[in-house]
Amino acid sequence: MPKEFFNNSIYTKELITRSENITFTKESSLNVMKRAAKACYNFISKNYSVCKVLVICGPGNNGGDGLLIAQMLSKEGYSVNVYFPLGVSKTKDASIAYGSLNKSLVIKTIDNLSEYKLIIDALFGFNYNKPLTEKTYFLINSLNKTSAVKIAIDVPSGVYCNNGKIDKIAFKADRTLALHRLKPCHVLLPGKEHSGQITLLDIKVANLDKDTSVELIERPTLKLPNHQMHKYSRGELLIIASREMFGASKLTTLAASQTAFKSGAGIVKLLVHENDIDIYKHHVLEEILLTYKTLSELKLLIKDSSTLIFGCGLNNTKFYKDILNYILTKKVNMVFDAGAFSMMSNDKENFKKLFRNHKGQKVLTPHFGEFAKVFQVSDNKIDDCLKAAKETDSVILLKGNDTVIANKVGNIKINYFTSPFLATAGTGDILAGLIGSLLAQGYSALQAASYGCYIHSQSALKLDRNFVASELIDEIPFFVKNISK
């Protein structure tokens, strides 16, 4: 997997079509097809030795790309077969490509899939828009079962461009050669998984980056503390500690608090019910414990302009709901995680209204199950996040291997480079601690969410193994130092 792409902008099907059409007013579409095919050929010939190759071509322009690639590989000495499961080329440019093809390369049936070492998918491309036929389904299923290296041209066949969804099956590429810009399907599951490793190829079509607000999270540059700072000016963070699930509550609360310190916060205060002080006092070193007996006493500990993490380890009780209602009346900056979404679920519209009326900055960090308790779910994760951000006047960070972050004005950030080892207890609380720390240090809600997500994922990638939450926390300050100025 590459560490970064040369461009982080993400184009929908509609935007990439517009980009192409603008280019076609200045040069022929056939020239662009030839340039795309040449870029793909250059990559394939450089990275895969001469072997027997099967190119699956559709009737459209993606198939035209495949035909030109097949011709170039054949001239280079590869043993190439071209197969048309849906009939020969129908578009103008693809028909021209077919006209120049050595017809001896074309096969009418695939007799022995196992003889091919490389399979190139040029069946549909980004315009795929309807369920697969039975014949195509069985073909793709057979292709996926082979041991051959599988390369998709632009978009794996069977994956919908704008949301990454599939119906029942899609081509499972080892590598996708994405043309011009990344598409949503490359970065959203399950399309991300079906794309395999992605190589982004520059094919010199119109740059419309200014017309998309969807992009990958970029490497941030964080501010280093200066000599004039003290612990309060570096950021004060409050965390409401759980009273239930004692083992888990300690993990969630302390994972968040320790992460906050190690990502730059100056001081962290845990708000703990006095009956539960023994749960925490033997496990904290740097944190300050502030105790309360009643909701009224807890309210006095939360000042305007505070930064607060709410939800880690908290259960859906009247007491915590009352706290949630109260803090939504205060001008505080907040990170909402975990239990907060269960509290909202039975009174969704009222809480959305409270969020919209709230004056501070807010980041909500649900996983899919938590998100679905409060917000509407469709087949498009980007659209869902954006709608939720507008409904709550908040930044929404919808967690997953394809984390999507949105604010109400339509800025969308997607996390591509991440680690499956993050699927372990406590890592979500570490993310909440990172975001809370960055909010307390003065970063905007969108910056805090994006930067926190980046640091979280990259620290896990640095470990690149099974780990426990404390090991990830210990990795964070080293990574933060490397991206600070």
Protein backbone atom coordinates (compact mmCIF):
# COMPACT_ATOMS: atom_id res chain seq x y z
CA MET A 1 0.00 0.00 0.00
CA PRO A 2 1.43 3.43 -0.90
CA LYS A 3 1.88 5.93 1.92
CA GLU A 4 0.18 8.67 -0.05
CA PHE A 5 -1.26 9.54 -3.46
CA PHE A 6 -0.13 12.40 -5.67
CA ASN A 7 -3.61 13.90 -5.34
CA ASN A 8 -6.13 13.48 -2.51
CA SER A 9 -9.21 14.82 -4.33
CA ILE A 10 -12.09 12.41 -4.85
CA TYR A 11 -14.36 12.70 -7.89
CA THR A 12 -17.88 11.31 -8.19
CA LYS A 13 -19.01 9.67 -11.42
CA GLU A 14 -20.63 12.95 -12.45
CA LEU A 15 -17.50 15.02 -11.81
CA ILE A 16 -15.14 12.66 -13.62
CA THR A 17 -17.53 12.68 -16.58
CA ARG A 18 -17.52 16.47 -16.60
CA SER A 19 -13.74 16.50 -16.39
CA GLU A 20 -13.52 14.21 -19.40
CA ASN A 21 -16.06 16.20 -21.41
CA ILE A 22 -14.15 19.44 -20.82
CA THR A 23 -10.99 17.71 -22.03
CA PHE A 24 -12.78 16.39 -25.13
CA THR A 25 -13.47 19.98 -26.26
CA LYS A 26 -9.70 20.46 -26.60
CA GLU A 27 -8.57 17.09 -27.90
CA SER A 28 -10.18 13.93 -29.20
CA SER A 29 -11.62 11.44 -26.75
CA LEU A 30 -9.69 8.73 -28.59
CA ASN A 31 -6.41 10.47 -27.74
CA VAL A 32 -7.41 10.47 -24.08
CA MET A 33 -8.29 6.76 -24.27
CA LYS A 34 -4.90 6.03 -25.83
CA ARG A 35 -3.14 8.04 -23.12
CA ALA A 36 -5.01 6.19 -20.36
CA ALA A 37 -4.23 2.83 -21.93
CA LYS A 38 -0.56 3.76 -22.33
CA ALA A 39 -0.33 4.76 -18.65
CA CYS A 40 -1.86 1.41 -17.64
CA TYR A 41 0.40 -0.50 -20.02
CA ASN A 42 3.48 1.28 -18.68
CA PHE A 43 2.62 0.28 -15.13
CA ILE A 44 1.79 -3.33 -16.01
CA SER A 45 4.84 -3.92 -18.20
CA LYS A 46 7.13 -2.39 -15.58
CA ASN A 47 5.75 -4.42 -12.69
CA TYR A 48 4.69 -7.78 -14.17
CA SER A 49 6.96 -10.00 -16.23
CA VAL A 50 5.94 -11.47 -19.59
CA CYS A 51 3.23 -14.09 -19.05
CA LYS A 52 -0.14 -15.31 -20.32
CA VAL A 53 -2.74 -12.54 -19.92
CA LEU A 54 -6.54 -12.52 -20.11
CA VAL A 55 -8.18 -9.14 -20.79
CA ILE A 56 -11.93 -9.02 -20.08
CA CYS A 57 -13.44 -6.22 -22.19
CA GLY A 58 -16.87 -4.66 -22.01
CA PRO A 59 -18.64 -2.94 -24.92
CA GLY A 60 -17.95 0.59 -23.63
CA ASN A 61 -14.94 2.85 -23.26
CA ASN A 62 -13.52 0.91 -20.31
CA GLY A 63 -13.42 -2.04 -22.68
CA GLY A 64 -11.71 0.23 -25.21
CA ASP A 65 -8.99 0.91 -22.67
CA GLY A 66 -8.61 -2.83 -22.25
CA LEU A 67 -8.32 -3.42 -26.00
CA LEU A 68 -5.52 -0.88 -26.35
CA ILE A 69 -3.73 -2.32 -23.33
CA ALA A 70 -4.06 -5.80 -24.82
CA GLN A 71 -2.50 -4.64 -28.10
CA MET A 72 0.45 -3.01 -26.35
CA LEU A 73 1.10 -6.03 -24.14
CA SER A 74 0.90 -8.36 -27.14
CA LYS A 75 3.49 -6.33 -29.02
CA GLU A 76 5.72 -6.47 -25.95
CA GLY A 77 5.69 -10.27 -26.03
CA TYR A 78 2.92 -11.10 -23.56
CA SER A 79 0.63 -13.96 -24.61
CA VAL A 80 -2.70 -12.16 -24.64
CA ASN A 81 -6.31 -13.28 -25.00
CA VAL A 82 -9.23 -10.86 -25.18
CA TYR A 83 -12.70 -11.98 -24.10
CA PHE A 84 -15.99 -10.12 -24.69
CA PRO A 85 -18.63 -11.55 -22.31
CA LEU A 86 -21.17 -8.86 -23.28
CA GLY A 87 -20.41 -8.56 -26.98
CA VAL A 88 -17.88 -6.49 -28.91
CA SER A 89 -17.31 -2.76 -28.65
CA LYS A 90 -20.26 -0.41 -29.16
CA THR A 91 -19.00 3.12 -28.41
CA LYS A 92 -17.20 5.07 -31.13
CA ASP A 93 -13.74 5.06 -29.52
CA ALA A 94 -13.95 1.46 -28.34
CA SER A 95 -15.02 0.42 -31.86
CA ILE A 96 -11.94 2.15 -33.31
CA ALA A 97 -9.78 0.31 -30.78
CA TYR A 98 -11.44 -2.95 -31.74
CA GLY A 99 -10.89 -2.22 -35.42
CA SER A 100 -7.13 -2.02 -34.87
CA LEU A 101 -6.99 -5.15 -32.72
CA ASN A 102 -5.30 -8.29 -33.99
CA LYS A 103 -8.40 -10.49 -34.07
CA SER A 104 -6.35 -13.60 -33.37
CA LEU A 105 -6.20 -12.40 -29.75
CA VAL A 106 -9.98 -12.70 -29.36
CA ILE A 107 -11.42 -15.85 -27.82
CA LYS A 108 -15.11 -16.82 -27.80
CA THR A 109 -14.93 -19.00 -24.71
CA ILE A 110 -12.52 -19.35 -21.80
CA ASP A 111 -11.40 -22.96 -21.82
CA ASN A 112 -8.89 -22.95 -18.98
CA LEU A 113 -8.73 -20.02 -16.57
CA SER A 114 -5.86 -21.54 -14.64
CA GLU A 115 -3.42 -20.98 -17.52
CA TYR A 116 -3.55 -17.19 -17.09
CA LYS A 117 -1.10 -15.51 -14.74
CA LEU A 118 -2.58 -12.03 -15.13
CA ILE A 119 -6.24 -11.05 -15.53
CA ILE A 120 -7.16 -7.51 -16.52
CA ASP A 121 -10.71 -6.31 -15.80
CA ALA A 122 -11.87 -3.71 -18.36
CA LEU A 123 -15.54 -4.65 -18.27
CA PHE A 124 -17.50 -1.69 -16.88
CA GLY A 125 -15.36 1.06 -15.33
CA PHE A 126 -16.95 3.90 -13.36
CA ASN A 127 -20.22 3.85 -15.33
CA TYR A 128 -21.42 0.53 -13.91
CA ASN A 129 -25.05 1.21 -12.96
CA LYS A 130 -27.17 -1.95 -12.81
CA PRO A 131 -27.08 -5.43 -11.29
CA LEU A 132 -24.95 -8.04 -12.97
CA THR A 133 -26.51 -10.56 -15.31
CA GLU A 134 -26.33 -14.20 -14.32
CA LYS A 135 -23.66 -14.83 -16.97
CA THR A 136 -21.49 -11.95 -15.72
CA TYR A 137 -21.99 -12.99 -12.12
CA PHE A 138 -20.63 -16.48 -12.80
CA LEU A 139 -17.75 -15.07 -14.86
CA ILE A 140 -16.61 -12.72 -12.09
CA ASN A 141 -17.04 -15.46 -9.51
CA SER A 142 -14.78 -17.72 -11.57
CA LEU A 143 -12.20 -14.97 -12.09
CA ASN A 144 -12.07 -14.23 -8.37
CA LYS A 145 -11.30 -17.88 -7.59
CA THR A 146 -8.19 -17.99 -9.75
CA SER A 147 -4.67 -17.57 -8.41
CA ALA A 148 -3.83 -15.10 -11.18
CA VAL A 149 -2.87 -11.53 -10.36
CA LYS A 150 -6.00 -9.48 -10.95
CA ILE A 151 -5.86 -5.86 -12.13
CA ALA A 152 -8.91 -3.60 -12.49
CA ILE A 153 -8.81 -0.68 -14.92
CA ASP A 154 -10.14 2.38 -13.03
CA VAL A 155 -12.95 0.64 -11.08
CA PRO A 156 -13.41 -3.08 -10.33
CA SER A 157 -16.39 -4.40 -12.25
CA GLY A 158 -19.51 -4.73 -10.14
CA VAL A 159 -18.62 -1.85 -7.80
CA TYR A 160 -20.82 1.26 -7.89
CA CYS A 161 -18.66 4.34 -8.34
CA ASN A 162 -20.30 6.83 -5.97
CA ASN A 163 -20.80 4.69 -2.88
CA GLY A 164 -18.51 1.66 -3.15
CA LYS A 165 -21.43 -0.74 -2.85
CA ILE A 166 -21.78 -4.04 -4.68
CA ASP A 167 -24.82 -6.22 -5.31
CA LYS A 168 -23.84 -9.83 -4.80
CA ILE A 169 -20.35 -9.95 -6.21
CA ALA A 170 -17.65 -7.76 -7.76
CA PHE A 171 -14.23 -8.28 -9.29
CA LYS A 172 -11.74 -8.72 -6.45
CA ALA A 173 -8.69 -6.87 -7.74
CA ASP A 174 -5.21 -7.24 -6.33
CA ARG A 175 -4.53 -3.82 -7.81
CA THR A 176 -6.67 -1.09 -9.32
CA LEU A 177 -5.20 1.41 -11.76
CA ALA A 178 -7.33 4.46 -10.96
CA LEU A 179 -7.44 7.01 -13.77
CA HIS A 180 -6.99 10.77 -13.10
CA ARG A 181 -8.52 10.89 -9.61
CA LEU A 182 -9.72 8.58 -6.87
CA LYS A 183 -13.44 7.80 -6.86
CA PRO A 184 -15.61 7.22 -3.75
CA CYS A 185 -15.65 3.49 -4.53
CA HIS A 186 -11.88 3.31 -4.05
CA VAL A 187 -12.05 4.52 -0.46
CA LEU A 188 -15.46 3.33 0.81
CA LEU A 189 -16.16 -0.26 1.79
CA PRO A 190 -16.70 -2.74 0.30
CA GLY A 191 -15.30 -1.11 -2.87
CA LYS A 192 -12.10 -0.26 -1.02
CA GLU A 193 -11.50 -3.93 -0.28
CA HIS A 194 -12.33 -4.99 -3.85
CA SER A 195 -9.90 -2.40 -5.24
CA GLY A 196 -6.87 -3.97 -3.57
CA GLN A 197 -3.78 -1.79 -3.81
CA ILE A 198 -4.51 1.39 -5.72
CA THR A 199 -2.18 3.11 -8.14
CA LEU A 200 -3.39 6.55 -9.22
CA LEU A 201 -2.40 7.37 -12.80
CA ASP A 202 -2.25 10.90 -14.16
CA ILE A 203 -3.89 10.85 -17.62
CA LYS A 204 -3.91 14.63 -18.16
CA VAL A 205 -7.63 15.41 -18.19
CA ALA A 206 -9.22 18.59 -16.80
CA ASN A 207 -8.43 19.43 -13.19
CA LEU A 208 -11.73 20.09 -11.38
CA ASP A 209 -10.38 19.72 -7.85
CA LYS A 210 -11.98 23.03 -6.89
CA ASP A 211 -15.38 21.49 -7.65
CA THR A 212 -15.13 18.67 -5.14
CA SER A 213 -15.24 19.02 -1.37
CA VAL A 214 -14.49 15.33 -0.86
CA GLU A 215 -10.87 14.39 -0.25
CA LEU A 216 -8.61 12.08 1.67
CA ILE A 217 -7.33 13.25 5.04
CA GLU A 218 -3.96 14.88 4.52
CA ARG A 219 -0.93 14.70 6.75
CA PRO A 220 -1.35 17.55 9.26
CA THR A 221 1.28 19.87 10.65
CA LEU A 222 0.74 20.42 14.36
CA LYS A 223 1.91 23.38 16.43
CA LEU A 224 4.68 22.79 18.93
CA PRO A 225 4.35 24.45 22.37
CA ASN A 226 6.46 27.55 22.95
CA HIS A 227 8.31 28.70 26.07
CA GLN A 228 5.58 31.15 27.08
CA MET A 229 2.97 28.43 27.43
CA HIS A 230 1.76 26.87 30.69
CA LYS A 231 -0.38 23.81 31.27
CA TYR A 232 -3.69 25.67 31.00
CA SER A 233 -2.74 27.55 27.83
CA ARG A 234 -1.79 24.23 26.23
CA GLY A 235 -5.37 23.03 26.65
CA GLU A 236 -7.58 21.83 29.47
CA LEU A 237 -9.76 18.78 28.88
CA LEU A 238 -12.58 17.45 31.05
CA ILE A 239 -13.76 13.84 30.87
CA ILE A 240 -16.88 12.61 32.60
CA ALA A 241 -15.89 9.25 34.08
CA SER A 242 -18.22 6.28 33.98
CA ARG A 243 -19.83 4.77 37.07
CA GLU A 244 -20.62 1.41 35.43
CA MET A 245 -18.65 -1.42 33.81
CA PHE A 246 -15.77 -0.87 36.20
CA GLY A 247 -13.06 -2.57 34.19
CA ALA A 248 -14.24 -1.10 30.93
CA SER A 249 -14.88 2.31 32.44
CA LYS A 250 -11.32 2.55 33.64
CA LEU A 251 -10.08 1.52 30.20
CA THR A 252 -12.27 3.98 28.31
CA THR A 253 -11.76 6.94 30.60
CA LEU A 254 -8.03 6.48 31.14
CA ALA A 255 -7.34 5.63 27.50
CA ALA A 256 -8.91 8.94 26.54
CA SER A 257 -7.13 10.90 29.27
CA GLN A 258 -3.68 9.44 28.69
CA THR A 259 -4.05 9.98 24.94
CA ALA A 260 -4.97 13.61 25.54
CA PHE A 261 -1.75 14.18 27.49
CA LYS A 262 0.41 12.38 24.94
CA SER A 263 -1.03 14.37 22.05
CA GLY A 264 -0.36 17.76 23.63
CA ALA A 265 -3.08 18.71 26.13
CA GLY A 266 -1.71 20.53 29.18
CA ILE A 267 -4.12 19.27 31.80
CA VAL A 268 -6.83 16.62 32.03
CA LYS A 269 -9.49 16.51 34.70
CA LEU A 270 -11.65 13.47 35.36
CA LEU A 271 -15.09 14.25 36.77
CA VAL A 272 -15.78 11.32 39.11
CA HIS A 273 -18.71 10.60 41.43
CA GLU A 274 -17.40 10.49 45.00
CA ASN A 275 -18.67 6.92 45.46
CA ASP A 276 -16.41 5.81 42.60
CA ILE A 277 -13.21 7.57 43.55
CA ASP A 278 -11.54 4.29 44.54
CA ILE A 279 -12.08 2.94 41.02
CA TYR A 280 -9.80 5.62 39.63
CA LYS A 281 -7.46 6.94 42.28
CA HIS A 282 -5.17 3.91 42.19
CA HIS A 283 -4.81 4.15 38.42
CA VAL A 284 -4.15 7.81 37.72
CA LEU A 285 -0.88 9.68 37.84
CA GLU A 286 -1.14 12.90 35.84
CA GLU A 287 -4.92 13.35 35.76
CA ILE A 288 -6.69 15.54 38.29
CA LEU A 289 -9.73 13.92 39.92
CA LEU A 290 -12.66 16.25 40.60
CA THR A 291 -15.43 14.66 42.64
CA TYR A 292 -19.12 15.43 42.88
CA LYS A 293 -22.13 14.05 44.75
CA THR A 294 -25.05 15.45 42.80
CA LEU A 295 -25.86 16.71 39.36
CA SER A 296 -25.85 20.23 40.75
CA GLU A 297 -22.29 19.80 41.99
CA LEU A 298 -21.22 18.33 38.65
CA LYS A 299 -22.69 21.33 36.82
CA LEU A 300 -20.46 23.64 38.84
CA LEU A 301 -17.37 21.84 37.53
CA ILE A 302 -18.26 22.56 33.88
CA LYS A 303 -17.46 26.11 32.88
CA ASP A 304 -18.21 27.97 29.67
CA SER A 305 -15.36 27.52 27.16
CA SER A 306 -14.42 24.12 28.66
CA THR A 307 -13.58 21.23 26.35
CA LEU A 308 -15.33 18.03 27.33
CA ILE A 309 -15.43 14.35 26.33
CA PHE A 310 -18.81 12.77 26.99
CA GLY A 311 -19.88 9.18 26.43
CA CYS A 312 -16.82 6.95 26.96
CA GLY A 313 -18.03 4.06 29.11
CA LEU A 314 -21.31 5.83 29.98
CA ASN A 315 -24.56 3.87 30.14
CA ASN A 316 -27.99 5.04 29.04
CA THR A 317 -29.33 6.26 32.42
CA LYS A 318 -31.43 9.23 33.46
CA PHE A 319 -28.46 10.69 35.33
CA TYR A 320 -26.23 10.81 32.26
CA LYS A 321 -29.10 12.03 30.07
CA ASP A 322 -29.58 14.92 32.47
CA ILE A 323 -25.86 15.72 32.18
CA LEU A 324 -26.10 15.58 28.38
CA ASN A 325 -29.07 17.93 28.38
CA TYR A 326 -27.20 20.32 30.64
CA ILE A 327 -23.91 20.46 28.73
CA LEU A 328 -25.84 21.16 25.53
CA THR A 329 -26.94 24.43 27.16
CA LYS A 330 -23.34 25.45 27.90
CA LYS A 331 -20.94 27.11 25.49
CA VAL A 332 -18.40 24.30 25.66
CA ASN A 333 -16.51 22.33 23.03
CA MET A 334 -17.38 18.65 23.10
CA VAL A 335 -16.54 15.21 21.78
CA PHE A 336 -19.46 12.78 21.93
CA ASP A 337 -18.68 9.07 21.83
CA ALA A 338 -20.09 5.63 22.65
CA GLY A 339 -22.86 5.84 25.26
CA ALA A 340 -23.92 9.32 24.15
CA PHE A 341 -25.70 7.84 21.13
CA SER A 342 -27.79 5.41 23.16
CA MET A 343 -28.91 8.36 25.29
CA MET A 344 -30.02 10.25 22.19
CA SER A 345 -31.75 7.32 20.51
CA ASN A 346 -35.14 7.56 22.22
CA ASP A 347 -35.45 11.33 21.74
CA LYS A 348 -33.56 11.88 18.50
CA GLU A 349 -35.28 14.94 17.14
CA ASN A 350 -35.13 16.81 20.43
CA PHE A 351 -31.41 16.14 20.78
CA LYS A 352 -30.77 17.19 17.17
CA LYS A 353 -32.50 20.47 17.94
CA LEU A 354 -30.40 20.92 21.10
CA PHE A 355 -27.27 20.28 19.05
CA ARG A 356 -28.30 22.84 16.41
CA ASN A 357 -28.95 25.46 19.07
CA HIS A 358 -25.72 24.77 20.92
CA LYS A 359 -23.02 27.44 20.50
CA GLY A 360 -19.81 25.47 21.02
CA GLN A 361 -17.91 23.18 18.64
CA LYS A 362 -18.98 19.55 18.56
CA VAL A 363 -17.51 16.34 17.17
CA LEU A 364 -19.63 13.18 17.19
CA THR A 365 -17.67 9.93 16.76
CA PRO A 366 -20.09 7.02 16.29
CA HIS A 367 -19.39 3.65 14.74
CA PHE A 368 -22.05 2.43 12.31
CA GLY A 369 -24.28 0.81 14.95
CA GLU A 370 -24.26 3.95 17.11
CA PHE A 371 -24.83 6.17 14.09
CA ALA A 372 -27.88 4.14 13.05
CA LYS A 373 -29.46 4.68 16.47
CA VAL A 374 -29.72 8.41 15.85
CA PHE A 375 -29.42 9.12 12.13
CA GLN A 376 -30.89 7.89 8.88
CA VAL A 377 -28.86 5.31 6.99
CA SER A 378 -28.84 4.97 3.20
CA ASP A 379 -26.52 3.23 0.75
CA ASN A 380 -24.13 6.20 0.71
CA LYS A 381 -21.92 6.80 3.73
CA ILE A 382 -20.80 10.23 2.52
CA ASP A 383 -24.37 11.46 2.09
CA ASP A 384 -25.37 10.06 5.48
CA CYS A 385 -22.52 11.85 7.26
CA LEU A 386 -23.24 15.13 5.55
CA LYS A 387 -26.94 14.97 6.40
CA ALA A 388 -26.17 14.15 10.05
CA ALA A 389 -23.70 17.05 10.23
CA LYS A 390 -26.38 19.44 8.96
CA GLU A 391 -29.00 18.05 11.34
CA THR A 392 -26.77 18.62 14.37
CA ASP A 393 -24.54 21.55 13.31
CA SER A 394 -21.65 19.28 14.24
CA VAL A 395 -18.70 17.50 12.75
CA ILE A 396 -19.59 13.85 12.26
CA LEU A 397 -16.85 11.21 12.29
CA LEU A 398 -18.37 7.91 11.23
CA LYS A 399 -15.79 5.33 12.25
CA GLY A 400 -14.61 2.32 10.30
CA ASN A 401 -11.84 1.16 8.02
CA ASP A 402 -13.28 3.82 5.71
CA THR A 403 -13.89 6.58 8.27
CA VAL A 404 -15.85 9.51 6.84
CA ILE A 405 -15.78 12.97 8.44
CA ALA A 406 -18.23 15.72 7.47
CA ASN A 407 -19.23 19.20 8.57
CA LYS A 408 -22.47 20.98 7.77
CA VAL A 409 -21.08 23.06 4.88
CA GLY A 410 -20.09 19.97 2.93
CA ASN A 411 -16.40 19.47 3.65
CA ILE A 412 -15.82 15.72 3.54
CA LYS A 413 -12.65 13.98 4.69
CA ILE A 414 -12.11 10.24 4.22
CA ASN A 415 -9.45 8.15 5.92
CA TYR A 416 -7.86 5.67 3.51
CA PHE A 417 -4.59 4.61 5.12
CA THR A 418 -5.49 2.67 8.24
CA SER A 419 -4.86 -0.58 10.07
CA PRO A 420 -7.08 -3.61 10.77
CA PHE A 421 -5.23 -3.96 14.08
CA LEU A 422 -7.27 -0.99 15.36
CA ALA A 423 -10.17 -3.39 15.86
CA THR A 424 -9.38 -3.91 19.55
CA ALA A 425 -10.73 -2.68 22.87
CA GLY A 426 -9.94 0.90 23.82
CA THR A 427 -8.89 2.27 20.44
CA GLY A 428 -12.14 4.20 19.96
CA ASP A 429 -11.56 5.93 23.29
CA ILE A 430 -8.02 6.78 22.18
CA LEU A 431 -9.52 8.49 19.13
CA ALA A 432 -11.92 10.43 21.36
CA GLY A 433 -8.97 11.48 23.54
CA LEU A 434 -7.02 12.65 20.50
CA ILE A 435 -9.89 14.72 19.18
CA GLY A 436 -10.67 16.17 22.62
CA SER A 437 -7.01 17.07 23.10
CA LEU A 438 -6.83 18.85 19.75
CA LEU A 439 -10.08 20.72 20.41
CA ALA A 440 -8.72 21.84 23.78
CA GLN A 441 -5.52 23.04 22.06
CA GLY A 442 -7.53 25.37 19.82
CA TYR A 443 -7.95 23.43 16.59
CA SER A 444 -11.31 23.67 14.85
CA ALA A 445 -13.75 20.77 15.11
CA LEU A 446 -13.03 19.63 11.54
CA GLN A 447 -9.27 19.89 12.08
CA ALA A 448 -9.45 18.07 15.41
CA ALA A 449 -11.48 15.23 13.92
CA SER A 450 -9.34 14.93 10.78
CA TYR A 451 -5.98 15.30 12.49
CA GLY A 452 -6.99 12.98 15.31
CA CYS A 453 -8.11 10.32 12.84
CA TYR A 454 -4.86 10.64 10.89
CA ILE A 455 -2.65 10.38 14.00
CA HIS A 456 -4.71 7.45 15.27
CA SER A 457 -4.41 5.45 12.04
CA GLN A 458 -0.82 6.29 11.29
CA SER A 459 0.32 5.37 14.81
CA ALA A 460 -1.38 1.98 14.37
CA LEU A 461 0.27 1.53 10.97
CA LYS A 462 3.61 2.26 12.59
CA LEU A 463 3.05 -0.57 15.06
CA ASP A 464 1.78 -2.86 12.27
CA ARG A 465 0.95 -5.77 14.60
CA ASN A 466 -1.48 -6.85 17.26
CA PHE A 467 -1.34 -4.40 20.16
CA VAL A 468 -3.21 -3.32 23.27
CA ALA A 469 -4.53 0.19 23.73
CA SER A 470 -1.66 1.29 25.97
CA GLU A 471 0.90 0.47 23.26
CA LEU A 472 -0.94 2.64 20.75
CA ILE A 473 -1.08 5.48 23.30
CA ASP A 474 2.68 5.20 23.79
CA GLU A 475 3.28 5.42 20.03
CA ILE A 476 1.28 8.64 19.61
CA PRO A 477 3.76 11.22 21.04
CA PHE A 478 6.50 10.02 18.69
CA PHE A 479 4.24 10.38 15.69
CA VAL A 480 2.96 13.78 16.88
CA LYS A 481 6.53 15.01 17.19
CA ASN A 482 7.26 14.01 13.60
CA ILE A 483 4.38 16.06 12.20
CA SER A 484 4.86 19.12 14.41
CA LYS A 485 6.66 22.32 13.55
